[in-house]
C-alpha atoms as a PDB file:
ATOM      1  CA  MET A   1     -98.451 -13.767   1.990  1.00  0.00           C
ATOM      2  CA  SER A   2     -96.205 -11.067   3.403  1.00  0.00           C
ATOM      3  CA  ALA A   3     -94.490  -8.437   1.292  1.00  0.00           C
ATOM      4  CA  ASP A   4     -91.013  -9.652   2.254  1.00  0.00           C
ATOM      5  CA  SER A   5     -91.580 -13.347   1.473  1.00  0.00           C
ATOM      6  CA  GLY A   6     -89.557 -13.028  -1.728  1.00  0.00           C
ATOM      7  CA  LEU A   7     -86.540 -11.914   0.290  1.00  0.00           C
ATOM      8  CA  ARG A   8     -86.438 -14.853   2.668  1.00  0.00           C
ATOM      9  CA  PRO A   9     -83.456 -17.097   2.152  1.00  0.00           C
ATOM     10  CA  ASN A  10     -84.223 -20.561   0.867  1.00  0.00           C
ATOM     11  CA  ASP A  11     -81.921 -23.438  -0.018  1.00  0.00           C
ATOM     12  CA  ASP A  12     -81.575 -22.382  -3.680  1.00  0.00           C
ATOM     13  CA  ARG A  13     -80.726 -18.797  -2.793  1.00  0.00           C
ATOM     14  CA  ILE A  14     -78.232 -19.846  -0.163  1.00  0.00           C
ATOM     15  CA  ALA A  15     -76.571 -22.260  -2.614  1.00  0.00           C
ATOM     16  CA  ALA A  16     -76.379 -19.495  -5.253  1.00  0.00           C
ATOM     17  CA  MET A  17     -74.832 -17.097  -2.721  1.00  0.00           C
ATOM     18  CA  VAL A  18     -72.225 -19.671  -1.679  1.00  0.00           C
ATOM     19  CA  ARG A  19     -71.435 -20.448  -5.341  1.00  0.00           C
ATOM     20  CA  GLN A  20     -71.056 -16.718  -6.099  1.00  0.00           C
ATOM     21  CA  TYR A  21     -68.726 -16.298  -3.122  1.00  0.00           C
ATOM     22  CA  GLU A  22     -66.610 -19.286  -4.177  1.00  0.00           C
ATOM     23  CA  VAL A  23     -66.286 -18.051  -7.764  1.00  0.00           C
ATOM     24  CA  GLU A  24     -65.389 -14.508  -6.691  1.00  0.00           C
ATOM     25  CA  ARG A  25     -62.865 -15.833  -4.178  1.00  0.00           C
ATOM     26  CA  PHE A  26     -61.299 -17.998  -6.912  1.00  0.00           C
ATOM     27  CA  TYR A  27     -60.904 -14.947  -9.177  1.00  0.00           C
ATOM     28  CA  TYR A  28     -59.493 -12.742  -6.413  1.00  0.00           C
ATOM     29  CA  ASP A  29     -56.971 -15.448  -5.477  1.00  0.00           C
ATOM     30  CA  GLU A  30     -56.058 -15.806  -9.175  1.00  0.00           C
ATOM     31  CA  ALA A  31     -55.470 -12.038  -9.463  1.00  0.00           C
ATOM     32  CA  ALA A  32     -53.281 -12.098  -6.348  1.00  0.00           C
ATOM     33  CA  LEU A  33     -51.132 -14.879  -7.847  1.00  0.00           C
ATOM     34  CA  LEU A  34     -50.599 -12.871 -11.041  1.00  0.00           C
ATOM     35  CA  ASP A  35     -49.773  -9.651  -9.193  1.00  0.00           C
ATOM     36  CA  ALA A  36     -47.269 -11.535  -6.992  1.00  0.00           C
ATOM     37  CA  HIS A  37     -45.608 -13.127 -10.082  1.00  0.00           C
ATOM     38  CA  ARG A  38     -46.540 -16.609  -8.832  1.00  0.00           C
ATOM     39  CA  TYR A  39     -47.074 -17.818 -12.385  1.00  0.00           C
ATOM     40  CA  GLU A  40     -46.453 -21.536 -11.806  1.00  0.00           C
ATOM     41  CA  GLU A  41     -49.260 -21.555  -9.217  1.00  0.00           C
ATOM     42  CA  TRP A  42     -51.410 -19.589 -11.669  1.00  0.00           C
ATOM     43  CA  ILE A  43     -50.836 -22.189 -14.430  1.00  0.00           C
ATOM     44  CA  ALA A  44     -52.006 -24.876 -12.014  1.00  0.00           C
ATOM     45  CA  LEU A  45     -55.436 -23.178 -12.044  1.00  0.00           C
ATOM     46  CA  PHE A  46     -55.916 -24.312 -15.661  1.00  0.00           C
ATOM     47  CA  SER A  47     -57.195 -27.717 -16.732  1.00  0.00           C
ATOM     48  CA  ASP A  48     -54.938 -29.819 -18.955  1.00  0.00           C
ATOM     49  CA  ASP A  49     -57.295 -29.215 -21.903  1.00  0.00           C
ATOM     50  CA  ALA A  50     -57.600 -25.459 -21.285  1.00  0.00           C
ATOM     51  CA  HIS A  51     -57.881 -22.899 -24.061  1.00  0.00           C
ATOM     52  CA  TYR A  52     -56.795 -19.273 -23.501  1.00  0.00           C
ATOM     53  CA  PHE A  53     -57.987 -16.976 -26.277  1.00  0.00           C
ATOM     54  CA  MET A  54     -57.782 -13.216 -26.765  1.00  0.00           C
ATOM     55  CA  PRO A  55     -59.143 -12.176 -30.164  1.00  0.00           C
ATOM     56  CA  ILE A  56     -58.274  -8.955 -31.908  1.00  0.00           C
ATOM     57  CA  ARG A  57     -61.037  -6.360 -31.788  1.00  0.00           C
ATOM     58  CA  ARG A  58     -61.776  -4.286 -34.860  1.00  0.00           C
ATOM     59  CA  THR A  59     -64.025  -1.276 -35.194  1.00  0.00           C
ATOM     60  CA  ARG A  60     -67.051  -2.254 -37.268  1.00  0.00           C
ATOM     61  CA  MET A  61     -70.224  -0.586 -38.401  1.00  0.00           C
ATOM     62  CA  GLN A  62     -73.450  -1.541 -36.638  1.00  0.00           C
ATOM     63  CA  ARG A  63     -74.422  -3.970 -39.420  1.00  0.00           C
ATOM     64  CA  GLU A  64     -71.059  -5.798 -39.060  1.00  0.00           C
ATOM     65  CA  LEU A  65     -70.810  -6.126 -35.277  1.00  0.00           C
ATOM     66  CA  SER A  66     -70.737  -9.918 -35.621  1.00  0.00           C
ATOM     67  CA  LYS A  67     -67.262  -9.452 -37.193  1.00  0.00           C
ATOM     68  CA  GLU A  68     -65.943  -7.178 -34.443  1.00  0.00           C
ATOM     69  CA  PHE A  69     -63.737  -9.890 -32.911  1.00  0.00           C
ATOM     70  CA  THR A  70     -61.535 -12.368 -34.730  1.00  0.00           C
ATOM     71  CA  GLN A  71     -62.522 -16.012 -34.332  1.00  0.00           C
ATOM     72  CA  PRO A  72     -60.484 -19.031 -33.192  1.00  0.00           C
ATOM     73  CA  GLY A  73     -58.136 -20.000 -36.005  1.00  0.00           C
ATOM     74  CA  GLU A  74     -57.828 -16.371 -37.147  1.00  0.00           C
ATOM     75  CA  MET A  75     -55.307 -13.783 -35.933  1.00  0.00           C
ATOM     76  CA  ALA A  76     -55.408 -13.302 -32.178  1.00  0.00           C
ATOM     77  CA  PHE A  77     -53.276 -11.789 -29.440  1.00  0.00           C
ATOM     78  CA  PHE A  78     -53.370 -15.154 -27.657  1.00  0.00           C
ATOM     79  CA  ASP A  79     -54.614 -18.516 -28.846  1.00  0.00           C
ATOM     80  CA  ASP A  80     -52.889 -20.791 -26.344  1.00  0.00           C
ATOM     81  CA  ASP A  81     -53.369 -24.154 -24.725  1.00  0.00           C
ATOM     82  CA  LYS A  82     -51.939 -24.996 -21.294  1.00  0.00           C
ATOM     83  CA  THR A  83     -48.618 -26.103 -22.815  1.00  0.00           C
ATOM     84  CA  LEU A  84     -48.119 -22.743 -24.552  1.00  0.00           C
ATOM     85  CA  LEU A  85     -49.082 -20.869 -21.371  1.00  0.00           C
ATOM     86  CA  ALA A  86     -46.559 -22.940 -19.432  1.00  0.00           C
ATOM     87  CA  GLY A  87     -43.928 -22.059 -22.064  1.00  0.00           C
ATOM     88  CA  ARG A  88     -44.640 -18.363 -21.605  1.00  0.00           C
ATOM     89  CA  VAL A  89     -44.285 -18.788 -17.851  1.00  0.00           C
ATOM     90  CA  ALA A  90     -40.998 -20.701 -18.269  1.00  0.00           C
ATOM     91  CA  LYS A  91     -39.640 -17.884 -20.427  1.00  0.00           C
ATOM     92  CA  LEU A  92     -40.601 -15.302 -17.784  1.00  0.00           C
ATOM     93  CA  LYS A  93     -38.898 -17.360 -15.079  1.00  0.00           C
ATOM     94  CA  SER A  94     -35.747 -17.875 -17.173  1.00  0.00           C
ATOM     95  CA  GLY A  95     -34.642 -14.244 -16.956  1.00  0.00           C
ATOM     96  CA  ARG A  96     -34.316 -14.134 -20.754  1.00  0.00           C
ATOM     97  CA  SER A  97     -37.584 -12.321 -21.364  1.00  0.00           C
ATOM     98  CA  TRP A  98     -36.417  -8.795 -22.232  1.00  0.00           C
ATOM     99  CA  ALA A  99     -39.980  -7.470 -21.986  1.00  0.00           C
ATOM    100  CA  GLU A 100     -40.163  -8.508 -18.330  1.00  0.00           C
ATOM    101  CA  ASP A 101     -36.664  -7.936 -16.984  1.00  0.00           C
ATOM    102  CA  PRO A 102     -36.963  -6.081 -14.711  1.00  0.00           C
ATOM    103  CA  PRO A 103     -40.466  -7.427 -14.058  1.00  0.00           C
ATOM    104  CA  SER A 104     -43.540  -5.280 -14.515  1.00  0.00           C
ATOM    105  CA  ARG A 105     -45.672  -4.327 -11.562  1.00  0.00           C
ATOM    106  CA  THR A 106     -49.306  -5.192 -12.161  1.00  0.00           C
ATOM    107  CA  ARG A 107     -52.664  -4.881 -10.503  1.00  0.00           C
ATOM    108  CA  HIS A 108     -55.535  -7.059 -11.691  1.00  0.00           C
ATOM    109  CA  LEU A 109     -58.956  -5.718 -10.729  1.00  0.00           C
ATOM    110  CA  ILE A 110     -61.847  -8.135 -11.261  1.00  0.00           C
ATOM    111  CA  THR A 111     -65.457  -6.978 -11.089  1.00  0.00           C
ATOM    112  CA  ASN A 112     -69.029  -7.702 -12.209  1.00  0.00           C
ATOM    113  CA  VAL A 113     -68.598 -11.447 -11.717  1.00  0.00           C
ATOM    114  CA  ARG A 114     -71.717 -13.268 -12.916  1.00  0.00           C
ATOM    115  CA  VAL A 115     -72.387 -16.973 -13.056  1.00  0.00           C
ATOM    116  CA  VAL A 116     -74.460 -17.274 -16.230  1.00  0.00           C
ATOM    117  CA  ARG A 117     -74.652 -21.063 -16.432  1.00  0.00           C
ATOM    118  CA  ASP A 118     -74.241 -23.942 -13.989  1.00  0.00           C
ATOM    119  CA  SER A 119     -74.443 -27.480 -15.323  1.00  0.00           C
ATOM    120  CA  GLY A 120     -73.335 -29.005 -12.039  1.00  0.00           C
ATOM    121  CA  ARG A 121     -69.786 -29.876 -13.095  1.00  0.00           C
ATOM    122  CA  GLU A 122     -69.043 -26.711 -15.092  1.00  0.00           C
ATOM    123  CA  LEU A 123     -69.881 -23.044 -14.692  1.00  0.00           C
ATOM    124  CA  GLY A 124     -70.112 -20.372 -17.359  1.00  0.00           C
ATOM    125  CA  VAL A 125     -68.823 -17.169 -15.761  1.00  0.00           C
ATOM    126  CA  GLU A 126     -68.548 -13.644 -17.134  1.00  0.00           C
ATOM    127  CA  SER A 127     -66.473 -10.930 -15.488  1.00  0.00           C
ATOM    128  CA  ASN A 128     -64.931  -7.558 -16.198  1.00  0.00           C
ATOM    129  CA  PHE A 129     -61.321  -6.620 -15.560  1.00  0.00           C
ATOM    130  CA  HIS A 130     -58.902  -3.744 -15.438  1.00  0.00           C
ATOM    131  CA  VAL A 131     -55.228  -4.693 -15.657  1.00  0.00           C
ATOM    132  CA  TYR A 132     -52.824  -1.910 -14.804  1.00  0.00           C
ATOM    133  CA  ARG A 133     -49.113  -2.353 -15.486  1.00  0.00           C
ATOM    134  CA  THR A 134     -46.165  -0.129 -14.777  1.00  0.00           C
ATOM    135  CA  ARG A 135     -42.672  -0.917 -16.003  1.00  0.00           C
ATOM    136  CA  LEU A 136     -39.263   0.605 -15.496  1.00  0.00           C
ATOM    137  CA  ASN A 137     -39.554   4.219 -14.301  1.00  0.00           C
ATOM    138  CA  SER A 138     -42.294   5.682 -16.437  1.00  0.00           C
ATOM    139  CA  GLU A 139     -43.935   3.107 -18.705  1.00  0.00           C
ATOM    140  CA  GLU A 140     -47.624   2.582 -17.924  1.00  0.00           C
ATOM    141  CA  SER A 141     -50.240   0.438 -19.632  1.00  0.00           C
ATOM    142  CA  SER A 142     -53.851  -0.236 -18.878  1.00  0.00           C
ATOM    143  CA  TRP A 143     -56.238  -2.776 -20.368  1.00  0.00           C
ATOM    144  CA  ILE A 144     -59.963  -2.950 -19.726  1.00  0.00           C
ATOM    145  CA  GLY A 145     -62.259  -5.676 -20.927  1.00  0.00           C
ATOM    146  CA  SER A 146     -64.359  -8.683 -20.148  1.00  0.00           C
ATOM    147  CA  ARG A 147     -63.751 -12.391 -19.831  1.00  0.00           C
ATOM    148  CA  ARG A 148     -65.940 -15.388 -20.506  1.00  0.00           C
ATOM    149  CA  ASP A 149     -64.712 -18.412 -18.639  1.00  0.00           C
ATOM    150  CA  LEU A 150     -65.687 -22.022 -18.382  1.00  0.00           C
ATOM    151  CA  LEU A 151     -64.836 -23.119 -14.848  1.00  0.00           C
ATOM    152  CA  ARG A 152     -64.757 -26.812 -14.007  1.00  0.00           C
ATOM    153  CA  ARG A 153     -65.413 -28.000 -10.481  1.00  0.00           C
ATOM    154  CA  VAL A 154     -62.395 -30.020  -9.317  1.00  0.00           C
ATOM    155  CA  GLU A 155     -61.677 -31.261  -5.785  1.00  0.00           C
ATOM    156  CA  GLY A 156     -63.529 -28.532  -3.910  1.00  0.00           C
ATOM    157  CA  SER A 157     -62.327 -25.689  -6.134  1.00  0.00           C
ATOM    158  CA  PHE A 158     -62.287 -24.751  -9.811  1.00  0.00           C
ATOM    159  CA  GLN A 159     -60.056 -25.075 -12.836  1.00  0.00           C
ATOM    160  CA  ILE A 160     -60.197 -22.782 -15.837  1.00  0.00           C
ATOM    161  CA  ALA A 161     -61.115 -24.949 -18.825  1.00  0.00           C
ATOM    162  CA  ASP A 162     -61.673 -22.094 -21.271  1.00  0.00           C
ATOM    163  CA  ARG A 163     -60.977 -18.363 -21.109  1.00  0.00           C
ATOM    164  CA  LYS A 164     -61.967 -15.830 -23.732  1.00  0.00           C
ATOM    165  CA  ILE A 165     -60.628 -12.321 -23.158  1.00  0.00           C
ATOM    166  CA  PHE A 166     -62.261  -9.362 -24.901  1.00  0.00           C
ATOM    167  CA  LEU A 167     -60.409  -6.037 -24.736  1.00  0.00           C
ATOM    168  CA  GLU A 168     -62.266  -2.773 -25.118  1.00  0.00           C
ATOM    169  CA  GLN A 169     -59.319  -1.293 -27.013  1.00  0.00           C
ATOM    170  CA  THR A 170     -58.940  -1.779 -30.749  1.00  0.00           C
ATOM    171  CA  VAL A 171     -55.413  -0.318 -30.724  1.00  0.00           C
ATOM    172  CA  LEU A 172     -52.931  -1.349 -28.039  1.00  0.00           C
ATOM    173  CA  LEU A 173     -50.522   1.409 -27.127  1.00  0.00           C
ATOM    174  CA  SER A 174     -48.337  -0.718 -24.857  1.00  0.00           C
ATOM    175  CA  ARG A 175     -44.872  -1.688 -26.022  1.00  0.00           C
ATOM    176  CA  ASN A 176     -45.541  -5.371 -25.433  1.00  0.00           C
ATOM    177  CA  LEU A 177     -48.232  -7.758 -24.261  1.00  0.00           C
ATOM    178  CA  SER A 178     -46.234  -9.916 -21.898  1.00  0.00           C
ATOM    179  CA  ASN A 179     -48.746 -10.105 -19.052  1.00  0.00           C
ATOM    180  CA  PHE A 180     -51.669 -12.426 -18.373  1.00  0.00           C
ATOM    181  CA  PHE A 181     -55.349 -11.588 -18.075  1.00  0.00           C
END
């Protein structure tokens, strides 16, 4: 057995590489839609039964780390289904959203994408993000965190069936939270 036999591509490795590429491409395309304010196309990436959840993070002692994030049903920055997300998008498009008129300029950076589970039809995916936003002439905000998504395979692509967003910050210094993650 040669020393490099573990590095030779096989069908499983090739399939995992293709899956990784497809997932990363999906996320990069999603980020481009958000940065271009193409929110209706972004909403179409979500399944009809999608859940979009961003808990509040609290500083806890080591023995209480299990209580660091609020749980579904408790206070949260976002606890939306697809209908609520679509309502937020409609408000942005209406021109009556004072927090986004004029619109913010954003950059969504997605990194450390890892497929942690693949059941065939659904993928469990973890990723990190940095969302940078600048508004008006001098207002800047930056959010860093991680996401845990459930992606569903649909017609040669994916739909987001569940997204949990975990910010690193415990205190948000931005004037509003009108963007998407």
